[in-house]
C-alpha cells in the first residue's frame, strides 16, 4: 500500500512540475496593477513585431509596446521566463539553450521610450533557492540600465549570499533583453 501511495505521489509531483513549467502567464495580475499605477490609466499591450533574426534570441518571452487610450506609445514591456540551474546542475550560460534540469521564474521589465529600464518585477518564482532576488530593493538597482555596459555581479550588480545562481541568471537575462530591445527599436 505504501509503495502505491508513494508512486502516485511521485507521479503527481512530476506532473505538477511539468505542468507548471509548460507556459508563461503573459498577462499576470501584477503586470496589470503596475501598468495602471505607472500610467495612471488603462493601457493596451500590443506585441512587438520582431525581425526573424532577432526573434531567435527570445525563447521564453515577449516584448510589447504599451499604449494609452490615445494609442500613443509610452513604454515597452518584456514578459518572460528565466531558467536557472538547479543547485550544482549546470552553469548559467550552458543552461540558456535547454530547459532540462532547470528551475525557473517569470518576470517583467518596464522600459521607457529609449529602452532604459524603469522597473523589474519577478511575479512567479518557482526555484528552490535564491528567492531574495524577488525583493524590490534588490531589483531597483536595474532602474535606468540602458544596456551600454555589461552587468557584472559584484561590480555593478549586488551579489546575494545564497542566491548566486538566481542573481547571475537575472543579471544575464536583463542585460540580454535590454540590448535586444535596443536592436529591435533600431
N, C-alpha and C. Protein backbone atom coordinates (compact mmCIF):
# COMPACT_ATOMS: atom_id res chain seq x y z
N UNK A 1 0.82 -1.20 0.00
CA UNK A 1 0.00 0.00 0.00
C UNK A 1 0.86 1.26 0.00
N UNK A 2 1.92 1.27 0.85
CA UNK A 2 2.80 2.43 0.91
C UNK A 2 3.51 2.67 -0.41
N UNK A 3 3.86 1.58 -1.14
CA UNK A 3 4.52 1.73 -2.44
C UNK A 3 3.57 2.37 -3.44
N UNK A 4 2.32 2.00 -3.39
CA UNK A 4 1.33 2.56 -4.32
C UNK A 4 1.14 4.04 -4.04
N UNK A 5 0.98 4.40 -2.78
CA UNK A 5 0.81 5.79 -2.39
C UNK A 5 2.05 6.60 -2.77
N UNK A 6 3.24 6.06 -2.52
CA UNK A 6 4.48 6.74 -2.87
C UNK A 6 4.59 6.94 -4.38
N UNK A 7 4.24 5.92 -5.14
CA UNK A 7 4.30 6.02 -6.60
C UNK A 7 3.32 7.06 -7.13
N UNK A 8 2.11 7.03 -6.61
CA UNK A 8 1.10 8.01 -7.03
C UNK A 8 1.54 9.42 -6.66
N UNK A 9 2.05 9.59 -5.45
CA UNK A 9 2.53 10.91 -5.02
C UNK A 9 3.66 11.40 -5.92
N UNK A 10 4.60 10.50 -6.23
CA UNK A 10 5.71 10.86 -7.10
C UNK A 10 5.20 11.30 -8.47
N UNK A 11 4.28 10.56 -9.05
CA UNK A 11 3.73 10.89 -10.37
C UNK A 11 2.99 12.22 -10.34
N UNK A 12 2.27 12.50 -9.26
CA UNK A 12 1.56 13.77 -9.15
C UNK A 12 2.54 14.94 -9.07
N UNK A 13 3.61 14.78 -8.31
CA UNK A 13 4.61 15.84 -8.18
C UNK A 13 5.29 16.08 -9.53
N UNK A 14 5.68 15.02 -10.22
CA UNK A 14 6.32 15.16 -11.54
C UNK A 14 5.37 15.85 -12.51
N UNK A 15 4.12 15.43 -12.53
CA UNK A 15 3.12 16.03 -13.42
C UNK A 15 2.94 17.51 -13.10
N UNK A 16 2.87 17.86 -11.82
CA UNK A 16 2.70 19.26 -11.42
C UNK A 16 3.90 20.10 -11.86
N UNK A 17 5.10 19.53 -11.73
CA UNK A 17 6.30 20.26 -12.16
C UNK A 17 6.29 20.48 -13.67
N UNK A 18 5.93 19.47 -14.41
CA UNK A 18 5.88 19.61 -15.87
C UNK A 18 4.81 20.59 -16.29
N UNK A 19 3.66 20.55 -15.65
CA UNK A 19 2.57 21.45 -16.00
C UNK A 19 2.91 22.89 -15.64
N UNK A 20 3.56 23.09 -14.49
CA UNK A 20 3.85 24.46 -14.06
C UNK A 20 4.89 25.13 -14.94
N UNK A 21 5.75 24.35 -15.59
CA UNK A 21 6.77 24.94 -16.42
C UNK A 21 6.33 25.05 -17.88
N UNK A 22 5.14 24.56 -18.20
CA UNK A 22 4.70 24.49 -19.58
C UNK A 22 4.46 25.86 -20.21
N UNK A 23 3.89 26.79 -19.47
CA UNK A 23 3.56 28.06 -20.11
C UNK A 23 3.79 29.24 -19.17
N UNK A 24 3.94 30.38 -19.78
CA UNK A 24 4.16 31.63 -19.04
C UNK A 24 2.85 32.42 -19.07
N UNK A 25 2.50 33.02 -17.95
CA UNK A 25 1.35 33.92 -17.91
C UNK A 25 1.85 35.28 -18.42
N UNK A 26 1.52 35.60 -19.68
CA UNK A 26 2.00 36.84 -20.27
C UNK A 26 1.16 38.05 -19.87
N UNK A 27 0.16 37.85 -19.05
CA UNK A 27 -0.68 38.96 -18.60
C UNK A 27 -1.05 38.77 -17.13
N UNK A 28 -0.04 38.68 -16.25
CA UNK A 28 -0.34 38.44 -14.83
C UNK A 28 -1.00 39.65 -14.17
N UNK A 29 -1.70 39.38 -13.09
CA UNK A 29 -2.38 40.46 -12.35
C UNK A 29 -1.40 41.55 -11.92
N UNK A 30 -0.19 41.14 -11.49
CA UNK A 30 0.78 42.13 -11.02
C UNK A 30 1.23 43.06 -12.15
N UNK A 31 1.25 42.56 -13.39
CA UNK A 31 1.59 43.41 -14.54
C UNK A 31 0.50 44.44 -14.76
N UNK A 32 -0.74 44.01 -14.72
CA UNK A 32 -1.86 44.94 -14.89
C UNK A 32 -1.85 46.02 -13.81
N UNK A 33 -1.60 45.61 -12.58
CA UNK A 33 -1.57 46.57 -11.46
C UNK A 33 -0.45 47.59 -11.65
N UNK A 34 0.75 47.13 -12.03
CA UNK A 34 1.88 48.04 -12.24
C UNK A 34 1.62 48.96 -13.42
N UNK A 35 1.03 48.44 -14.48
CA UNK A 35 0.73 49.28 -15.66
C UNK A 35 -0.22 50.41 -15.29
N UNK A 36 -1.24 50.09 -14.53
CA UNK A 36 -2.21 51.11 -14.11
C UNK A 36 -1.54 52.13 -13.19
N UNK A 37 -0.71 51.64 -12.26
CA UNK A 37 -0.04 52.53 -11.32
C UNK A 37 0.93 53.47 -12.04
N UNK A 38 1.72 52.94 -12.96
CA UNK A 38 2.72 53.73 -13.66
C UNK A 38 2.08 54.75 -14.60
N UNK A 39 1.02 54.35 -15.29
CA UNK A 39 0.42 55.20 -16.31
C UNK A 39 -0.81 55.96 -15.85
N UNK A 40 -1.28 55.70 -14.65
CA UNK A 40 -2.46 56.37 -14.08
C UNK A 40 -3.72 56.20 -14.92
N UNK A 41 -3.76 55.21 -15.78
CA UNK A 41 -4.96 54.94 -16.57
C UNK A 41 -4.83 53.59 -17.25
N UNK A 42 -5.91 53.17 -17.88
CA UNK A 42 -5.92 51.92 -18.63
C UNK A 42 -4.97 52.03 -19.82
N UNK A 43 -4.25 50.97 -20.08
CA UNK A 43 -3.36 50.92 -21.23
C UNK A 43 -3.59 49.62 -21.99
N UNK A 44 -3.07 49.57 -23.18
CA UNK A 44 -3.19 48.39 -24.02
C UNK A 44 -1.80 47.86 -24.34
N UNK A 45 -1.64 46.54 -24.30
CA UNK A 45 -0.39 45.93 -24.70
C UNK A 45 -0.53 45.42 -26.12
N UNK A 46 0.48 45.70 -26.93
CA UNK A 46 0.50 45.22 -28.31
C UNK A 46 1.84 44.55 -28.53
N UNK A 47 1.82 43.26 -28.89
CA UNK A 47 3.07 42.53 -29.09
C UNK A 47 3.88 43.17 -30.21
N UNK A 48 5.17 43.37 -29.94
CA UNK A 48 6.05 43.98 -30.94
C UNK A 48 6.32 43.00 -32.08
N UNK A 49 6.35 43.53 -33.26
CA UNK A 49 6.74 42.76 -34.43
C UNK A 49 8.26 42.75 -34.46
N UNK A 50 8.85 41.56 -34.50
CA UNK A 50 10.30 41.44 -34.39
C UNK A 50 10.84 40.69 -35.60
N UNK A 51 11.92 41.21 -36.18
CA UNK A 51 12.57 40.55 -37.31
C UNK A 51 12.98 39.13 -36.91
N UNK A 52 12.83 38.17 -37.83
CA UNK A 52 13.13 36.77 -37.51
C UNK A 52 14.53 36.54 -36.94
N UNK A 53 15.53 37.27 -37.46
CA UNK A 53 16.89 37.06 -36.96
C UNK A 53 17.04 37.51 -35.50
N UNK A 54 16.21 38.46 -35.05
CA UNK A 54 16.24 38.87 -33.65
C UNK A 54 15.30 38.02 -32.81
N UNK A 55 14.20 37.57 -33.40
CA UNK A 55 13.22 36.75 -32.66
C UNK A 55 13.85 35.44 -32.18
N UNK A 56 14.85 34.95 -32.88
CA UNK A 56 15.52 33.71 -32.46
C UNK A 56 16.18 33.88 -31.09
N UNK A 57 16.45 35.11 -30.69
CA UNK A 57 17.09 35.39 -29.40
C UNK A 57 16.11 35.46 -28.25
N UNK A 58 14.83 35.27 -28.53
CA UNK A 58 13.80 35.32 -27.49
C UNK A 58 13.13 33.96 -27.42
N UNK A 59 13.57 33.13 -26.50
CA UNK A 59 12.99 31.79 -26.38
C UNK A 59 11.75 31.79 -25.49
N UNK A 60 11.82 32.46 -24.39
CA UNK A 60 10.80 32.31 -23.36
C UNK A 60 10.20 33.64 -22.95
N UNK A 61 9.82 34.47 -23.90
CA UNK A 61 9.24 35.75 -23.54
C UNK A 61 8.72 36.50 -24.74
N UNK A 62 8.11 37.66 -24.44
CA UNK A 62 7.56 38.52 -25.48
C UNK A 62 7.80 39.98 -25.10
N UNK A 63 8.03 40.78 -26.13
CA UNK A 63 8.11 42.23 -25.97
C UNK A 63 6.78 42.83 -26.42
N UNK A 64 6.34 43.85 -25.68
CA UNK A 64 5.10 44.56 -26.01
C UNK A 64 5.36 46.06 -26.03
N UNK A 65 4.59 46.76 -26.83
CA UNK A 65 4.54 48.21 -26.70
C UNK A 65 3.33 48.49 -25.80
N UNK A 66 3.42 49.55 -25.03
CA UNK A 66 2.34 49.94 -24.13
C UNK A 66 1.74 51.22 -24.68
N UNK A 67 0.46 51.21 -24.92
CA UNK A 67 -0.21 52.40 -25.44
C UNK A 67 -1.32 52.80 -24.49
N UNK A 68 -1.60 54.08 -24.46
CA UNK A 68 -2.71 54.55 -23.64
C UNK A 68 -3.97 54.62 -24.51
N UNK A 69 -5.02 55.24 -24.00
CA UNK A 69 -6.28 55.30 -24.74
C UNK A 69 -6.15 56.03 -26.07
N UNK A 70 -5.19 56.92 -26.21
CA UNK A 70 -4.99 57.65 -27.46
C UNK A 70 -4.06 56.89 -28.41
N UNK A 71 -3.62 55.72 -27.99
CA UNK A 71 -2.71 54.87 -28.76
C UNK A 71 -1.39 55.56 -29.06
N UNK A 72 -0.91 56.34 -28.12
CA UNK A 72 0.40 56.97 -28.24
C UNK A 72 1.39 56.10 -27.47
N UNK A 73 2.48 55.74 -28.12
CA UNK A 73 3.47 54.89 -27.49
C UNK A 73 4.05 55.58 -26.26
N UNK A 74 4.02 54.90 -25.14
CA UNK A 74 4.59 55.49 -23.93
C UNK A 74 5.77 54.67 -23.40
N UNK A 75 5.71 53.34 -23.52
CA UNK A 75 6.76 52.49 -22.96
C UNK A 75 6.74 51.14 -23.66
N UNK A 76 7.68 50.30 -23.23
CA UNK A 76 7.74 48.91 -23.68
C UNK A 76 7.77 48.03 -22.44
N UNK A 77 7.36 46.79 -22.61
CA UNK A 77 7.47 45.82 -21.53
C UNK A 77 7.91 44.49 -22.12
N UNK A 78 8.75 43.82 -21.36
CA UNK A 78 9.14 42.46 -21.70
C UNK A 78 8.58 41.56 -20.61
N UNK A 79 7.91 40.50 -20.99
CA UNK A 79 7.41 39.50 -20.05
C UNK A 79 8.05 38.18 -20.45
N UNK A 80 8.73 37.54 -19.52
CA UNK A 80 9.40 36.31 -19.88
C UNK A 80 9.79 35.45 -18.71
N UNK A 81 10.49 34.39 -19.05
CA UNK A 81 10.91 33.39 -18.07
C UNK A 81 12.43 33.30 -18.07
N UNK A 82 12.97 33.18 -16.88
CA UNK A 82 14.40 32.92 -16.72
C UNK A 82 14.54 31.50 -16.21
N UNK A 83 15.25 30.68 -16.96
CA UNK A 83 15.58 29.35 -16.47
C UNK A 83 16.87 29.46 -15.68
N UNK A 84 16.87 28.86 -14.51
CA UNK A 84 18.08 28.82 -13.70
C UNK A 84 18.44 27.37 -13.47
N UNK A 85 19.66 27.15 -13.13
CA UNK A 85 20.13 25.79 -12.88
C UNK A 85 19.71 25.35 -11.49
N UNK A 86 19.43 24.09 -11.38
CA UNK A 86 19.27 23.53 -10.03
C UNK A 86 20.64 23.60 -9.38
N UNK A 87 20.69 23.71 -8.07
CA UNK A 87 21.95 23.81 -7.37
C UNK A 87 22.86 22.67 -7.80
N UNK A 88 24.03 23.02 -8.31
CA UNK A 88 25.00 22.01 -8.74
C UNK A 88 24.69 21.39 -10.09
N UNK A 89 23.66 21.87 -10.80
CA UNK A 89 23.21 21.22 -12.02
C UNK A 89 23.93 21.65 -13.29
N UNK A 90 24.24 22.92 -13.46
CA UNK A 90 24.85 23.39 -14.69
C UNK A 90 25.33 24.82 -14.49
N UNK A 91 25.95 25.36 -15.53
CA UNK A 91 26.31 26.77 -15.46
C UNK A 91 25.22 27.57 -16.15
N UNK A 92 25.06 28.81 -15.81
CA UNK A 92 24.01 29.66 -16.37
C UNK A 92 24.13 29.73 -17.89
N UNK A 93 25.31 29.97 -18.40
CA UNK A 93 25.48 30.13 -19.85
C UNK A 93 25.14 28.84 -20.58
N UNK A 94 25.46 27.69 -20.04
CA UNK A 94 25.11 26.42 -20.67
C UNK A 94 23.60 26.23 -20.67
N UNK A 95 22.94 26.68 -19.64
CA UNK A 95 21.52 26.44 -19.48
C UNK A 95 20.64 27.32 -20.35
N UNK A 96 21.20 28.28 -21.04
CA UNK A 96 20.37 29.17 -21.85
C UNK A 96 19.78 28.47 -23.06
N UNK A 97 20.26 27.28 -23.41
CA UNK A 97 19.78 26.59 -24.59
C UNK A 97 18.85 25.42 -24.28
N UNK A 98 18.63 25.11 -23.02
CA UNK A 98 17.83 23.94 -22.69
C UNK A 98 16.97 24.18 -21.46
N UNK A 99 15.86 23.49 -21.39
CA UNK A 99 15.00 23.55 -20.21
C UNK A 99 15.33 22.40 -19.26
N UNK A 100 16.20 21.49 -19.66
CA UNK A 100 16.49 20.33 -18.86
C UNK A 100 17.22 20.71 -17.59
N UNK A 101 16.86 20.02 -16.52
CA UNK A 101 17.49 20.20 -15.23
C UNK A 101 17.54 21.67 -14.79
N UNK A 102 16.43 22.36 -14.98
CA UNK A 102 16.42 23.76 -14.58
C UNK A 102 15.17 24.08 -13.77
N UNK A 103 15.27 25.15 -13.03
CA UNK A 103 14.13 25.73 -12.35
C UNK A 103 13.87 27.04 -13.07
N UNK A 104 12.82 27.75 -12.70
CA UNK A 104 12.52 28.96 -13.45
C UNK A 104 11.82 29.98 -12.58
N UNK A 105 11.80 31.22 -13.11
CA UNK A 105 10.92 32.24 -12.57
C UNK A 105 10.53 33.18 -13.70
N UNK A 106 9.34 33.75 -13.56
CA UNK A 106 8.78 34.64 -14.57
C UNK A 106 8.86 36.07 -14.06
N UNK A 107 9.09 36.99 -14.98
CA UNK A 107 9.27 38.37 -14.57
C UNK A 107 8.89 39.31 -15.71
N UNK A 108 8.81 40.60 -15.39
CA UNK A 108 8.63 41.59 -16.44
C UNK A 108 9.56 42.77 -16.20
N UNK A 109 9.86 43.45 -17.31
CA UNK A 109 10.71 44.65 -17.28
C UNK A 109 9.93 45.75 -17.97
N UNK A 110 9.80 46.91 -17.33
CA UNK A 110 9.24 48.09 -17.98
C UNK A 110 10.41 48.92 -18.52
N UNK A 111 10.28 49.34 -19.76
CA UNK A 111 11.28 50.19 -20.41
C UNK A 111 10.63 51.51 -20.79
N UNK A 112 11.41 52.59 -20.78
CA UNK A 112 10.91 53.85 -21.32
C UNK A 112 11.07 53.85 -22.83
N UNK A 113 10.74 54.94 -23.48
CA UNK A 113 10.79 55.02 -24.94
C UNK A 113 12.20 54.87 -25.50
N UNK A 114 13.23 55.08 -24.66
CA UNK A 114 14.62 54.94 -25.08
C UNK A 114 15.21 53.57 -24.72
N UNK A 115 14.38 52.65 -24.28
CA UNK A 115 14.79 51.29 -23.88
C UNK A 115 15.67 51.28 -22.64
N UNK A 116 15.45 52.23 -21.73
CA UNK A 116 16.10 52.20 -20.42
C UNK A 116 15.11 51.61 -19.43
N UNK A 117 15.62 50.79 -18.54
CA UNK A 117 14.75 50.10 -17.59
C UNK A 117 14.15 51.08 -16.59
N UNK A 118 12.86 50.93 -16.36
CA UNK A 118 12.15 51.73 -15.36
C UNK A 118 11.73 50.88 -14.16
N UNK A 119 11.50 49.57 -14.39
CA UNK A 119 11.04 48.69 -13.32
C UNK A 119 11.29 47.25 -13.72
N UNK A 120 11.72 46.44 -12.75
CA UNK A 120 11.82 44.99 -12.92
C UNK A 120 11.04 44.36 -11.79
N UNK A 121 10.20 43.37 -12.11
CA UNK A 121 9.42 42.69 -11.08
C UNK A 121 9.34 41.21 -11.41
N UNK A 122 9.65 40.38 -10.42
CA UNK A 122 9.51 38.93 -10.55
C UNK A 122 8.16 38.56 -9.97
N UNK A 123 7.31 37.89 -10.77
CA UNK A 123 5.95 37.61 -10.31
C UNK A 123 5.64 36.13 -10.11
N UNK A 124 6.52 35.23 -10.51
CA UNK A 124 6.26 33.81 -10.34
C UNK A 124 7.59 33.10 -10.11
N UNK A 125 7.99 32.98 -8.85
CA UNK A 125 9.29 32.40 -8.53
C UNK A 125 9.11 30.92 -8.21
N UNK A 126 9.62 30.05 -9.07
CA UNK A 126 9.45 28.61 -8.91
C UNK A 126 10.76 27.88 -8.66
N UNK A 127 11.79 28.58 -8.28
CA UNK A 127 13.07 27.93 -7.97
C UNK A 127 13.13 27.63 -6.48
N UNK A 128 13.96 26.66 -6.12
CA UNK A 128 14.02 26.23 -4.72
C UNK A 128 14.91 27.12 -3.85
N UNK A 129 15.83 27.85 -4.45
CA UNK A 129 16.74 28.73 -3.71
C UNK A 129 16.81 30.09 -4.41
N UNK A 130 17.27 31.08 -3.68
CA UNK A 130 17.56 32.37 -4.29
C UNK A 130 16.41 33.33 -4.40
N UNK A 131 15.31 33.08 -3.70
CA UNK A 131 14.14 33.95 -3.81
C UNK A 131 14.41 35.38 -3.36
N UNK A 132 15.58 35.64 -2.80
CA UNK A 132 15.93 37.00 -2.40
C UNK A 132 15.98 37.95 -3.61
N UNK A 133 16.15 37.41 -4.81
CA UNK A 133 16.17 38.26 -6.00
C UNK A 133 14.81 38.87 -6.29
N UNK A 134 13.77 38.39 -5.65
CA UNK A 134 12.43 38.96 -5.88
C UNK A 134 12.21 40.24 -5.10
N UNK A 135 13.13 40.57 -4.20
CA UNK A 135 12.98 41.77 -3.36
C UNK A 135 13.04 43.04 -4.20
N UNK A 136 12.06 43.90 -4.00
CA UNK A 136 12.00 45.18 -4.72
C UNK A 136 13.29 45.97 -4.51
N UNK A 137 13.82 45.93 -3.30
CA UNK A 137 15.03 46.70 -3.00
C UNK A 137 16.21 46.22 -3.84
N UNK A 138 16.31 44.92 -4.11
CA UNK A 138 17.41 44.41 -4.93
C UNK A 138 17.16 44.72 -6.42
N UNK A 139 15.93 44.58 -6.87
CA UNK A 139 15.59 44.81 -8.28
C UNK A 139 15.70 46.28 -8.68
N UNK A 140 15.61 47.20 -7.70
CA UNK A 140 15.70 48.64 -8.00
C UNK A 140 17.05 49.03 -8.61
N UNK A 141 18.08 48.24 -8.37
CA UNK A 141 19.40 48.59 -8.90
C UNK A 141 19.45 48.57 -10.43
N UNK A 142 18.47 47.95 -11.08
CA UNK A 142 18.46 47.89 -12.54
C UNK A 142 17.76 49.10 -13.17
N UNK A 143 17.12 49.93 -12.35
CA UNK A 143 16.44 51.11 -12.87
C UNK A 143 17.45 52.00 -13.61
N UNK A 144 17.06 52.46 -14.76
CA UNK A 144 17.85 53.30 -15.66
C UNK A 144 18.96 52.56 -16.39
N UNK A 145 19.05 51.24 -16.24
CA UNK A 145 20.03 50.48 -17.01
C UNK A 145 19.64 50.57 -18.48
N UNK A 146 20.62 50.90 -19.33
CA UNK A 146 20.33 51.13 -20.75
C UNK A 146 21.08 50.19 -21.69
N UNK A 147 21.75 49.18 -21.15
CA UNK A 147 22.43 48.21 -21.99
C UNK A 147 23.79 48.64 -22.51
N UNK A 148 24.27 49.81 -22.14
CA UNK A 148 25.54 50.31 -22.67
C UNK A 148 26.75 49.66 -22.00
N UNK A 149 26.55 49.09 -20.82
CA UNK A 149 27.66 48.42 -20.15
C UNK A 149 27.22 47.02 -19.73
N UNK A 150 28.20 46.19 -19.51
CA UNK A 150 27.94 44.82 -19.08
C UNK A 150 27.54 44.82 -17.60
N UNK A 151 26.57 44.00 -17.25
CA UNK A 151 26.20 43.84 -15.85
C UNK A 151 27.10 42.77 -15.24
N UNK A 152 27.87 43.16 -14.22
CA UNK A 152 28.82 42.25 -13.59
C UNK A 152 28.48 42.14 -12.10
N UNK A 153 28.13 40.93 -11.69
CA UNK A 153 27.80 40.68 -10.29
C UNK A 153 29.04 40.93 -9.44
N UNK A 154 28.86 41.71 -8.39
CA UNK A 154 29.96 42.06 -7.50
C UNK A 154 30.61 43.38 -7.88
N UNK A 155 30.32 43.84 -9.10
CA UNK A 155 30.89 45.12 -9.54
C UNK A 155 29.77 46.16 -9.63
N UNK A 156 28.85 46.00 -10.58
CA UNK A 156 27.75 46.95 -10.69
C UNK A 156 26.39 46.29 -10.43
N UNK A 157 26.41 45.03 -9.99
CA UNK A 157 25.20 44.32 -9.55
C UNK A 157 25.51 43.72 -8.19
N UNK A 158 24.65 43.97 -7.23
CA UNK A 158 24.86 43.45 -5.87
C UNK A 158 24.72 41.94 -5.84
N UNK A 159 25.70 41.28 -5.24
CA UNK A 159 25.63 39.84 -5.03
C UNK A 159 24.74 39.56 -3.83
N UNK A 160 24.15 38.37 -3.80
CA UNK A 160 23.33 37.95 -2.67
C UNK A 160 23.82 36.58 -2.24
N UNK A 161 24.28 36.48 -1.01
CA UNK A 161 24.74 35.20 -0.49
C UNK A 161 23.58 34.22 -0.47
N UNK A 162 23.79 33.05 -1.02
CA UNK A 162 22.74 32.04 -1.07
C UNK A 162 21.85 32.13 -2.29
N UNK A 163 22.06 33.15 -3.12
CA UNK A 163 21.24 33.33 -4.33
C UNK A 163 22.11 33.56 -5.56
N UNK A 164 23.31 32.99 -5.55
CA UNK A 164 24.26 33.24 -6.63
C UNK A 164 23.71 32.87 -8.00
N UNK A 165 23.10 31.72 -8.11
CA UNK A 165 22.59 31.25 -9.40
C UNK A 165 21.47 32.17 -9.89
N UNK A 166 20.55 32.54 -9.01
CA UNK A 166 19.44 33.43 -9.40
C UNK A 166 19.94 34.82 -9.74
N UNK A 167 20.90 35.34 -9.01
CA UNK A 167 21.48 36.66 -9.28
C UNK A 167 22.16 36.65 -10.65
N UNK A 168 22.97 35.64 -10.91
CA UNK A 168 23.66 35.55 -12.20
C UNK A 168 22.66 35.43 -13.36
N UNK A 169 21.67 34.57 -13.20
CA UNK A 169 20.68 34.36 -14.27
C UNK A 169 19.87 35.63 -14.52
N UNK A 170 19.46 36.30 -13.46
CA UNK A 170 18.67 37.52 -13.60
C UNK A 170 19.48 38.62 -14.29
N UNK A 171 20.70 38.84 -13.83
CA UNK A 171 21.55 39.88 -14.41
C UNK A 171 21.82 39.60 -15.88
N UNK A 172 22.14 38.37 -16.20
CA UNK A 172 22.43 37.99 -17.59
C UNK A 172 21.21 38.22 -18.48
N UNK A 173 20.03 37.82 -18.00
CA UNK A 173 18.83 37.96 -18.82
C UNK A 173 18.41 39.42 -18.97
N UNK A 174 18.51 40.20 -17.92
CA UNK A 174 18.17 41.63 -18.00
C UNK A 174 19.09 42.34 -18.99
N UNK A 175 20.38 42.06 -18.92
CA UNK A 175 21.32 42.66 -19.86
C UNK A 175 20.96 42.26 -21.29
N UNK A 176 20.72 40.98 -21.50
CA UNK A 176 20.40 40.48 -22.84
C UNK A 176 19.12 41.10 -23.38
N UNK A 177 18.07 41.16 -22.59
CA UNK A 177 16.78 41.68 -23.08
C UNK A 177 16.85 43.19 -23.33
N UNK A 178 17.63 43.91 -22.54
CA UNK A 178 17.78 45.35 -22.76
C UNK A 178 18.50 45.61 -24.08
N UNK A 179 19.59 44.91 -24.30
CA UNK A 179 20.34 45.08 -25.56
C UNK A 179 19.51 44.63 -26.75
N UNK A 180 18.73 43.58 -26.58
CA UNK A 180 17.88 43.08 -27.66
C UNK A 180 16.78 44.09 -28.01
N UNK A 181 16.17 44.71 -27.01
CA UNK A 181 15.14 45.72 -27.30
C UNK A 181 15.75 46.88 -28.07
N UNK A 182 16.96 47.30 -27.70
CA UNK A 182 17.62 48.38 -28.45
C UNK A 182 17.77 48.00 -29.92
N UNK A 183 18.16 46.77 -30.20
CA UNK A 183 18.30 46.31 -31.59
C UNK A 183 16.94 46.28 -32.29
N UNK A 184 15.92 45.84 -31.59
CA UNK A 184 14.56 45.78 -32.17
C UNK A 184 14.09 47.17 -32.56
N UNK A 185 14.39 48.17 -31.73
CA UNK A 185 13.91 49.53 -31.96
C UNK A 185 14.72 50.30 -33.02
N UNK A 186 15.85 49.77 -33.43
CA UNK A 186 16.68 50.48 -34.43
C UNK A 186 16.00 50.52 -35.77
